PDB file of N, CA and C in Angstrom:
ATOM      1  N   GLN A   1       0.638  -1.032   0.231  1.00  0.00           N
ATOM      2  CA  GLN A   1       0.024   0.140  -0.152  1.00  0.00           C
ATOM      3  C   GLN A   1       0.629   1.478  -0.190  1.00  0.00           C
ATOM      4  N   GLY A   2       1.556   1.058   0.634  1.00  0.00           N
ATOM      5  CA  GLY A   2       2.678   2.602   0.923  1.00  0.00           C
ATOM      6  C   GLY A   2       3.683   2.669  -0.414  1.00  0.00           C
ATOM      7  N   LYS A   3       4.001   1.524  -1.050  1.00  0.00           N
ATOM      8  CA  LYS A   3       4.472   1.718  -2.399  1.00  0.00           C
ATOM      9  C   LYS A   3       4.271   2.798  -3.483  1.00  0.00           C
ATOM     10  N   GLY A   4       1.874   2.272  -3.493  1.00  0.00           N
ATOM     11  CA  GLY A   4       1.145   2.762  -3.843  1.00  0.00           C
ATOM     12  C   GLY A   4       0.827   4.587  -4.064  1.00  0.00           C
ATOM     13  N   PHE A   5       0.721   4.746  -2.789  1.00  0.00           N
ATOM     14  CA  PHE A   5       0.660   5.748  -2.556  1.00  0.00           C
ATOM     15  C   PHE A   5       1.947   6.889  -2.695  1.00  0.00           C
ATOM     16  N   THR A   6       3.256   6.617  -3.263  1.00  0.00           N
ATOM     17  CA  THR A   6       4.279   7.260  -3.088  1.00  0.00           C
ATOM     18  C   THR A   6       4.287   7.095  -4.573  1.00  0.00           C
ATOM     19  N   LYS A   7       3.846   6.389  -5.596  1.00  0.00           N
ATOM     20  CA  LYS A   7       4.115   6.108  -6.481  1.00  0.00           C
ATOM     21  C   LYS A   7       3.077   7.011  -7.332  1.00  0.00           C
ATOM     22  N   MET A   8       0.823   7.476  -6.439  1.00  0.00           N
ATOM     23  CA  MET A   8      -0.025   8.515  -7.114  1.00  0.00           C
ATOM     24  C   MET A   8       0.773  10.023  -6.270  1.00  0.00           C
ATOM     25  N   GLY A   9       1.184   9.972  -5.242  1.00  0.00           N
ATOM     26  CA  GLY A   9       1.491  10.987  -4.961  1.00  0.00           C
ATOM     27  C   GLY A   9       3.130  11.655  -6.362  1.00  0.00           C
ATOM     28  N   ASN A  10       4.344  10.833  -6.670  1.00  0.00           N
ATOM     29  CA  ASN A  10       5.124  11.153  -8.288  1.00  0.00           C
ATOM     30  C   ASN A  10       3.582  11.271  -9.032  1.00  0.00           C
ATOM     31  N   LEU A  11       3.327  11.002  -9.672  1.00  0.00           N
ATOM     32  CA  LEU A  11       2.426  11.489 -10.088  1.00  0.00           C
ATOM     33  C   LEU A  11       0.872  12.776 -10.641  1.00  0.00           C
ATOM     34  N   ASP A  12       1.521  12.932  -9.143  1.00  0.00           N
ATOM     35  CA  ASP A  12       0.782  14.342  -8.570  1.00  0.00           C
ATOM     36  C   ASP A  12       1.396  15.253  -9.267  1.00  0.00           C
ATOM     37  N   SER A  13       2.651  15.028  -7.790  1.00  0.00           N
ATOM     38  CA  SER A  13       3.827  16.340  -8.593  1.00  0.00           C
ATOM     39  C   SER A  13       3.871  16.049  -9.965  1.00  0.00           C
ATOM     40  N   ARG A  14       4.467  15.532 -10.225  1.00  0.00           N
ATOM     41  CA  ARG A  14       4.444  15.341 -11.765  1.00  0.00           C
ATOM     42  C   ARG A  14       3.113  16.630 -13.228  1.00  0.00           C
ATOM     43  N   HIS A  15       2.570  15.932 -12.587  1.00  0.00           N
ATOM     44  CA  HIS A  15       1.438  16.427 -13.748  1.00  0.00           C
ATOM     45  C   HIS A  15       1.417  18.204 -12.654  1.00  0.00           C
ATOM     46  N   ASN A  16       0.766  18.414 -11.216  1.00  0.00           N
ATOM     47  CA  ASN A  16       1.276  19.780 -10.736  1.00  0.00           C
ATOM     48  C   ASN A  16       2.705  20.541 -12.482  1.00  0.00           C
ATOM     49  N   THR A  17       3.216  19.663 -12.109  1.00  0.00           N
ATOM     50  CA  THR A  17       4.367  20.516 -12.186  1.00  0.00           C
ATOM     51  C   THR A  17       4.469  20.971 -14.008  1.00  0.00           C
ATOM     52  N   CYS A  18       3.658  19.981 -14.384  1.00  0.00           N
ATOM     53  CA  CYS A  18       3.274  19.899 -15.931  1.00  0.00           C
ATOM     54  C   CYS A  18       1.732  21.418 -16.359  1.00  0.00           C
ATOM     55  N   ALA A  19       1.319  21.197 -14.984  1.00  0.00           N
ATOM     56  CA  ALA A  19       0.654  22.159 -15.236  1.00  0.00           C
ATOM     57  C   ALA A  19       0.904  23.423 -15.269  1.00  0.00           C
ATOM     58  N   GLN A  20       1.940  24.096 -13.975  1.00  0.00           N
ATOM     59  CA  GLN A  20       2.441  24.712 -13.954  1.00  0.00           C
ATOM     60  C   GLN A  20       3.656  25.640 -15.314  1.00  0.00           C
ATOM     61  N   MET A  21       3.936  25.024 -16.178  1.00  0.00           N
ATOM     62  CA  MET A  21       4.956  25.268 -16.362  1.00  0.00           C
ATOM     63  C   MET A  21       3.881  25.155 -18.172  1.00  0.00           C
ATOM     64  N   LEU A  22       2.298  24.989 -18.022  1.00  0.00           N
ATOM     65  CA  LEU A  22       2.183  25.242 -19.618  1.00  0.00           C
ATOM     66  C   LEU A  22       1.132  26.699 -19.115  1.00  0.00           C
ATOM     67  N   MET A  23       1.430  27.041 -17.607  1.00  0.00           N
ATOM     68  CA  MET A  23       0.437  28.304 -17.561  1.00  0.00           C
ATOM     69  C   MET A  23       1.119  29.039 -17.889  1.00  0.00           C
ATOM     70  N   GLY A  24       2.307  28.740 -17.221  1.00  0.00           N
ATOM     71  CA  GLY A  24       3.278  29.686 -17.687  1.00  0.00           C
ATOM     72  C   GLY A  24       4.189  30.478 -18.431  1.00  0.00           C
ATOM     73  N   TRP A  25       3.807  29.076 -19.267  1.00  0.00           N
ATOM     74  CA  TRP A  25       3.953  29.053 -20.931  1.00  0.00           C
ATOM     75  C   TRP A  25       2.580  30.044 -21.496  1.00  0.00           C
ATOM     76  N   GLN A  26       1.944  29.849 -21.639  1.00  0.00           N
ATOM     77  CA  GLN A  26       0.559  30.656 -21.617  1.00  0.00           C
ATOM     78  C   GLN A  26       0.550  31.898 -21.777  1.00  0.00           C
ATOM     79  N   ARG A  27       0.723  32.128 -20.337  1.00  0.00           N
ATOM     80  CA  ARG A  27       1.150  33.618 -19.406  1.00  0.00           C
ATOM     81  C   ARG A  27       2.335  34.147 -20.405  1.00  0.00           C
ATOM     82  N   GLY A  28       3.167  33.679 -20.797  1.00  0.00           N
ATOM     83  CA  GLY A  28       3.948  33.619 -21.292  1.00  0.00           C
ATOM     84  C   GLY A  28       4.020  34.459 -22.711  1.00  0.00           C
ATOM     85  N   LEU A  29       3.040  33.667 -23.929  1.00  0.00           N
ATOM     86  CA  LEU A  29       2.286  33.999 -25.724  1.00  0.00           C
ATOM     87  C   LEU A  29       2.209  35.041 -24.604  1.00  0.00           C
ATOM     88  N   SER A  30       1.318  35.275 -23.927  1.00  0.00           N
ATOM     89  CA  SER A  30       0.157  36.441 -24.258  1.00  0.00           C
ATOM     90  C   SER A  30       0.953  37.241 -23.593  1.00  0.00           C
ATOM     91  N   LEU A  31       2.242  37.621 -22.813  1.00  0.00           N
ATOM     92  CA  LEU A  31       2.547  38.791 -22.742  1.00  0.00           C
ATOM     93  C   LEU A  31       3.524  39.294 -24.503  1.00  0.00           C
ATOM     94  N   ASP A  32       3.643  38.484 -25.274  1.00  0.00           N
ATOM     95  CA  ASP A  32       4.762  38.381 -25.719  1.00  0.00           C
ATOM     96  C   ASP A  32       3.358  39.091 -26.966  1.00  0.00           C
ATOM     97  N   ILE A  33       2.807  38.165 -27.270  1.00  0.00           N
ATOM     98  CA  ILE A  33       1.588  39.036 -28.126  1.00  0.00           C
ATOM     99  C   ILE A  33       0.996  40.641 -28.486  1.00  0.00           C
ATOM    100  N   GLY A  34       1.379  41.182 -26.331  1.00  0.00           N
ATOM    101  CA  GLY A  34       1.567  41.923 -25.923  1.00  0.00           C
ATOM    102  C   GLY A  34       1.531  42.855 -26.650  1.00  0.00           C
ATOM    103  N   ASN A  35       3.331  42.665 -26.608  1.00  0.00           N
ATOM    104  CA  ASN A  35       4.435  43.375 -26.622  1.00  0.00           C
ATOM    105  C   ASN A  35       4.113  43.745 -28.275  1.00  0.00           C
ATOM    106  N   ILE A  36       4.012  43.070 -29.595  1.00  0.00           N
ATOM    107  CA  ILE A  36       4.149  43.487 -30.941  1.00  0.00           C
ATOM    108  C   ILE A  36       2.913  43.465 -31.216  1.00  0.00           C
ATOM    109  N   ASN A  37       2.369  43.078 -30.474  1.00  0.00           N
ATOM    110  CA  ASN A  37       0.709  44.250 -30.469  1.00  0.00           C
ATOM    111  C   ASN A  37       1.039  46.202 -30.545  1.00  0.00           C
ATOM    112  N   LYS A  38       1.573  45.966 -29.350  1.00  0.00           N
ATOM    113  CA  LYS A  38       2.217  48.016 -28.843  1.00  0.00           C
ATOM    114  C   LYS A  38       3.571  47.627 -30.601  1.00  0.00           C
ATOM    115  N   GLN A  39       4.242  47.245 -30.321  1.00  0.00           N
ATOM    116  CA  GLN A  39       5.054  47.313 -31.253  1.00  0.00           C
ATOM    117  C   GLN A  39       4.556  48.177 -32.810  1.00  0.00           C
ATOM    118  N   TYR A  40       3.370  47.201 -33.666  1.00  0.00           N
ATOM    119  CA  TYR A  40       2.742  47.327 -34.414  1.00  0.00           C
ATOM    120  C   TYR A  40       1.572  48.541 -34.850  1.00  0.00           C
ATOM    121  N   THR A  41       0.835  48.792 -33.504  1.00  0.00           N
ATOM    122  CA  THR A  41      -0.356  49.877 -33.385  1.00  0.00           C
ATOM    123  C   THR A  41       0.365  50.900 -32.927  1.00  0.00           C
TER     124      THR A  41
END
């Protein structure tokens, strides 16, 4: 049982970091688009 729980914990932490990276990437992308819009308008 203990091993199963640690495996689930590892999966959860891996998923969380992946989601955080995705959110940060989306935020950075929207910032880049905002900067490009400022340059061309």
